[in-house]
Amino acid sequence: MLVAAVTIGVGLVCLLYGARSLRVGRAVRRLAGSGPDDSSSPGDATDWLGPVDEGPVEPRETVLERGSIERGVGLLVLGAVCLLFGILAV
């Protein structure tokens, strides 16, 4: 029973972080202007914020190359497998 509870917990955490990673990847793509329904320039989405001092900003290529999409999909698959094994262990 303890193994099932731990496995289900790990599965839920993996699903949470996988979904977060995919949301970040989607937002970066939208800001970079590579989305399929992009009808405006990339800067229009955040122009209303005004100048914000965030420290050193990484170039878009670095942010896109981090692999957040691959990491998100991997975490979602791992979470689904953990949930499956957790349910089977009960």
C-alpha atoms as a PDB file:
ATOM      1  CA  MET A   1       0.000   0.000   0.000  1.00  0.00           C
ATOM      2  CA  LEU A   2       2.883   2.349   0.791  1.00  0.00           C
ATOM      3  CA  VAL A   3       4.492   1.646  -2.587  1.00  0.00           C
ATOM      4  CA  ALA A   4       1.221   2.456  -4.358  1.00  0.00           C
ATOM      5  CA  ALA A   5       0.837   5.734  -2.463  1.00  0.00           C
ATOM      6  CA  VAL A   6       4.409   6.822  -3.209  1.00  0.00           C
ATOM      7  CA  THR A   7       4.098   5.850  -6.871  1.00  0.00           C
ATOM      8  CA  ILE A   8       0.830   7.745  -7.268  1.00  0.00           C
ATOM      9  CA  GLY A   9       2.363  10.775  -5.527  1.00  0.00           C
ATOM     10  CA  VAL A  10       5.408  10.739  -7.795  1.00  0.00           C
ATOM     11  CA  GLY A  11       3.121  10.372 -10.810  1.00  0.00           C
ATOM     12  CA  LEU A  12       1.058  13.388  -9.813  1.00  0.00           C
ATOM     13  CA  VAL A  13       4.174  15.500  -9.225  1.00  0.00           C
ATOM     14  CA  CYS A  14       5.560  14.483 -12.631  1.00  0.00           C
ATOM     15  CA  LEU A  15       2.268  15.398 -14.291  1.00  0.00           C
ATOM     16  CA  LEU A  16       2.264  18.778 -12.551  1.00  0.00           C
ATOM     17  CA  TYR A  17       5.810  19.674 -13.583  1.00  0.00           C
ATOM     18  CA  GLY A  18       5.278  18.326 -17.103  1.00  0.00           C
ATOM     19  CA  ALA A  19       2.224  20.510 -17.587  1.00  0.00           C
ATOM     20  CA  ARG A  20       4.107  23.517 -16.233  1.00  0.00           C
ATOM     21  CA  SER A  21       6.991  22.903 -18.602  1.00  0.00           C
ATOM     22  CA  LEU A  22       4.694  22.705 -21.592  1.00  0.00           C
ATOM     23  CA  ARG A  23       2.957  25.936 -20.625  1.00  0.00           C
ATOM     24  CA  VAL A  24       6.294  27.730 -20.421  1.00  0.00           C
ATOM     25  CA  GLY A  25       7.316  26.393 -23.819  1.00  0.00           C
ATOM     26  CA  ARG A  26       4.033  27.520 -25.364  1.00  0.00           C
ATOM     27  CA  ALA A  27       4.385  31.009 -23.877  1.00  0.00           C
ATOM     28  CA  VAL A  28       7.950  31.371 -25.165  1.00  0.00           C
ATOM     29  CA  ARG A  29       6.878  30.293 -28.649  1.00  0.00           C
ATOM     30  CA  ARG A  30       3.997  32.764 -28.564  1.00  0.00           C
ATOM     31  CA  LEU A  31       6.294  35.610 -27.537  1.00  0.00           C
ATOM     32  CA  ALA A  32       8.870  34.592 -30.131  1.00  0.00           C
ATOM     33  CA  GLY A  33       6.180  34.851 -32.807  1.00  0.00           C
ATOM     34  CA  SER A  34       6.347  31.267 -34.053  1.00  0.00           C
ATOM     35  CA  GLY A  35       2.772  30.382 -33.160  1.00  0.00           C
ATOM     36  CA  PRO A  36       0.360  29.278 -35.884  1.00  0.00           C
ATOM     37  CA  ASP A  37      -2.187  32.016 -35.169  1.00  0.00           C
ATOM     38  CA  ASP A  38       0.291  34.860 -34.681  1.00  0.00           C
ATOM     39  CA  SER A  39      -1.128  37.996 -36.262  1.00  0.00           C
ATOM     40  CA  SER A  40       0.870  40.615 -34.384  1.00  0.00           C
ATOM     41  CA  SER A  41       4.481  41.398 -33.767  1.00  0.00           C
ATOM     42  CA  PRO A  42       6.231  39.512 -30.916  1.00  0.00           C
ATOM     43  CA  GLY A  43       6.539  42.522 -28.626  1.00  0.00           C
ATOM     44  CA  ASP A  44       2.861  43.545 -28.654  1.00  0.00           C
ATOM     45  CA  ALA A  45       1.837  41.014 -25.994  1.00  0.00           C
ATOM     46  CA  THR A  46       3.977  42.615 -23.273  1.00  0.00           C
ATOM     47  CA  ASP A  47       4.164  46.266 -24.353  1.00  0.00           C
ATOM     48  CA  TRP A  48       1.654  47.306 -21.713  1.00  0.00           C
ATOM     49  CA  LEU A  49       3.962  46.144 -18.912  1.00  0.00           C
ATOM     50  CA  GLY A  50       6.432  48.955 -19.432  1.00  0.00           C
ATOM     51  CA  PRO A  51      10.117  48.749 -18.613  1.00  0.00           C
ATOM     52  CA  VAL A  52      10.956  46.113 -16.043  1.00  0.00           C
ATOM     53  CA  ASP A  53      14.404  45.583 -14.607  1.00  0.00           C
ATOM     54  CA  GLU A  54      14.780  41.801 -14.677  1.00  0.00           C
ATOM     55  CA  GLY A  55      18.552  41.665 -14.770  1.00  0.00           C
ATOM     56  CA  PRO A  56      20.420  40.049 -17.644  1.00  0.00           C
ATOM     57  CA  VAL A  57      18.021  38.677 -20.244  1.00  0.00           C
ATOM     58  CA  GLU A  58      18.907  35.566 -22.217  1.00  0.00           C
ATOM     59  CA  PRO A  59      18.473  35.617 -25.975  1.00  0.00           C
ATOM     60  CA  ARG A  60      15.392  33.840 -27.334  1.00  0.00           C
ATOM     61  CA  GLU A  61      17.471  31.103 -28.953  1.00  0.00           C
ATOM     62  CA  THR A  62      18.836  30.092 -25.548  1.00  0.00           C
ATOM     63  CA  VAL A  63      15.364  29.936 -24.013  1.00  0.00           C
ATOM     64  CA  LEU A  64      13.975  27.937 -26.936  1.00  0.00           C
ATOM     65  CA  GLU A  65      16.903  25.507 -26.927  1.00  0.00           C
ATOM     66  CA  ARG A  66      16.380  24.493 -23.306  1.00  0.00           C
ATOM     67  CA  GLY A  67      14.141  21.677 -24.401  1.00  0.00           C
ATOM     68  CA  SER A  68      11.158  22.499 -22.234  1.00  0.00           C
ATOM     69  CA  ILE A  69       8.845  20.762 -24.681  1.00  0.00           C
ATOM     70  CA  GLU A  70      10.835  17.528 -24.578  1.00  0.00           C
ATOM     71  CA  ARG A  71      11.148  17.735 -20.819  1.00  0.00           C
ATOM     72  CA  GLY A  72       7.418  18.374 -20.447  1.00  0.00           C
ATOM     73  CA  VAL A  73       6.410  15.461 -22.650  1.00  0.00           C
ATOM     74  CA  GLY A  74       8.889  13.192 -20.874  1.00  0.00           C
ATOM     75  CA  LEU A  75       7.533  14.175 -17.474  1.00  0.00           C
ATOM     76  CA  LEU A  76       3.950  13.657 -18.628  1.00  0.00           C
ATOM     77  CA  VAL A  77       4.759  10.162 -19.907  1.00  0.00           C
ATOM     78  CA  LEU A  78       6.676   9.300 -16.731  1.00  0.00           C
ATOM     79  CA  GLY A  79       3.779  10.603 -14.618  1.00  0.00           C
ATOM     80  CA  ALA A  80       1.262   8.531 -16.563  1.00  0.00           C
ATOM     81  CA  VAL A  81       3.387   5.389 -16.187  1.00  0.00           C
ATOM     82  CA  CYS A  82       3.821   6.005 -12.449  1.00  0.00           C
ATOM     83  CA  LEU A  83       0.071   6.493 -12.015  1.00  0.00           C
ATOM     84  CA  LEU A  84      -0.608   3.314 -13.969  1.00  0.00           C
ATOM     85  CA  PHE A  85       1.786   1.286 -11.813  1.00  0.00           C
ATOM     86  CA  GLY A  86       0.415   2.913  -8.666  1.00  0.00           C
ATOM     87  CA  ILE A  87      -3.137   1.963  -9.567  1.00  0.00           C
ATOM     88  CA  LEU A  88      -2.051  -1.565 -10.479  1.00  0.00           C
ATOM     89  CA  ALA A  89      -0.227  -1.870  -7.126  1.00  0.00           C
ATOM     90  CA  VAL A  90      -3.389  -1.130  -5.191  1.00  0.00           C
END
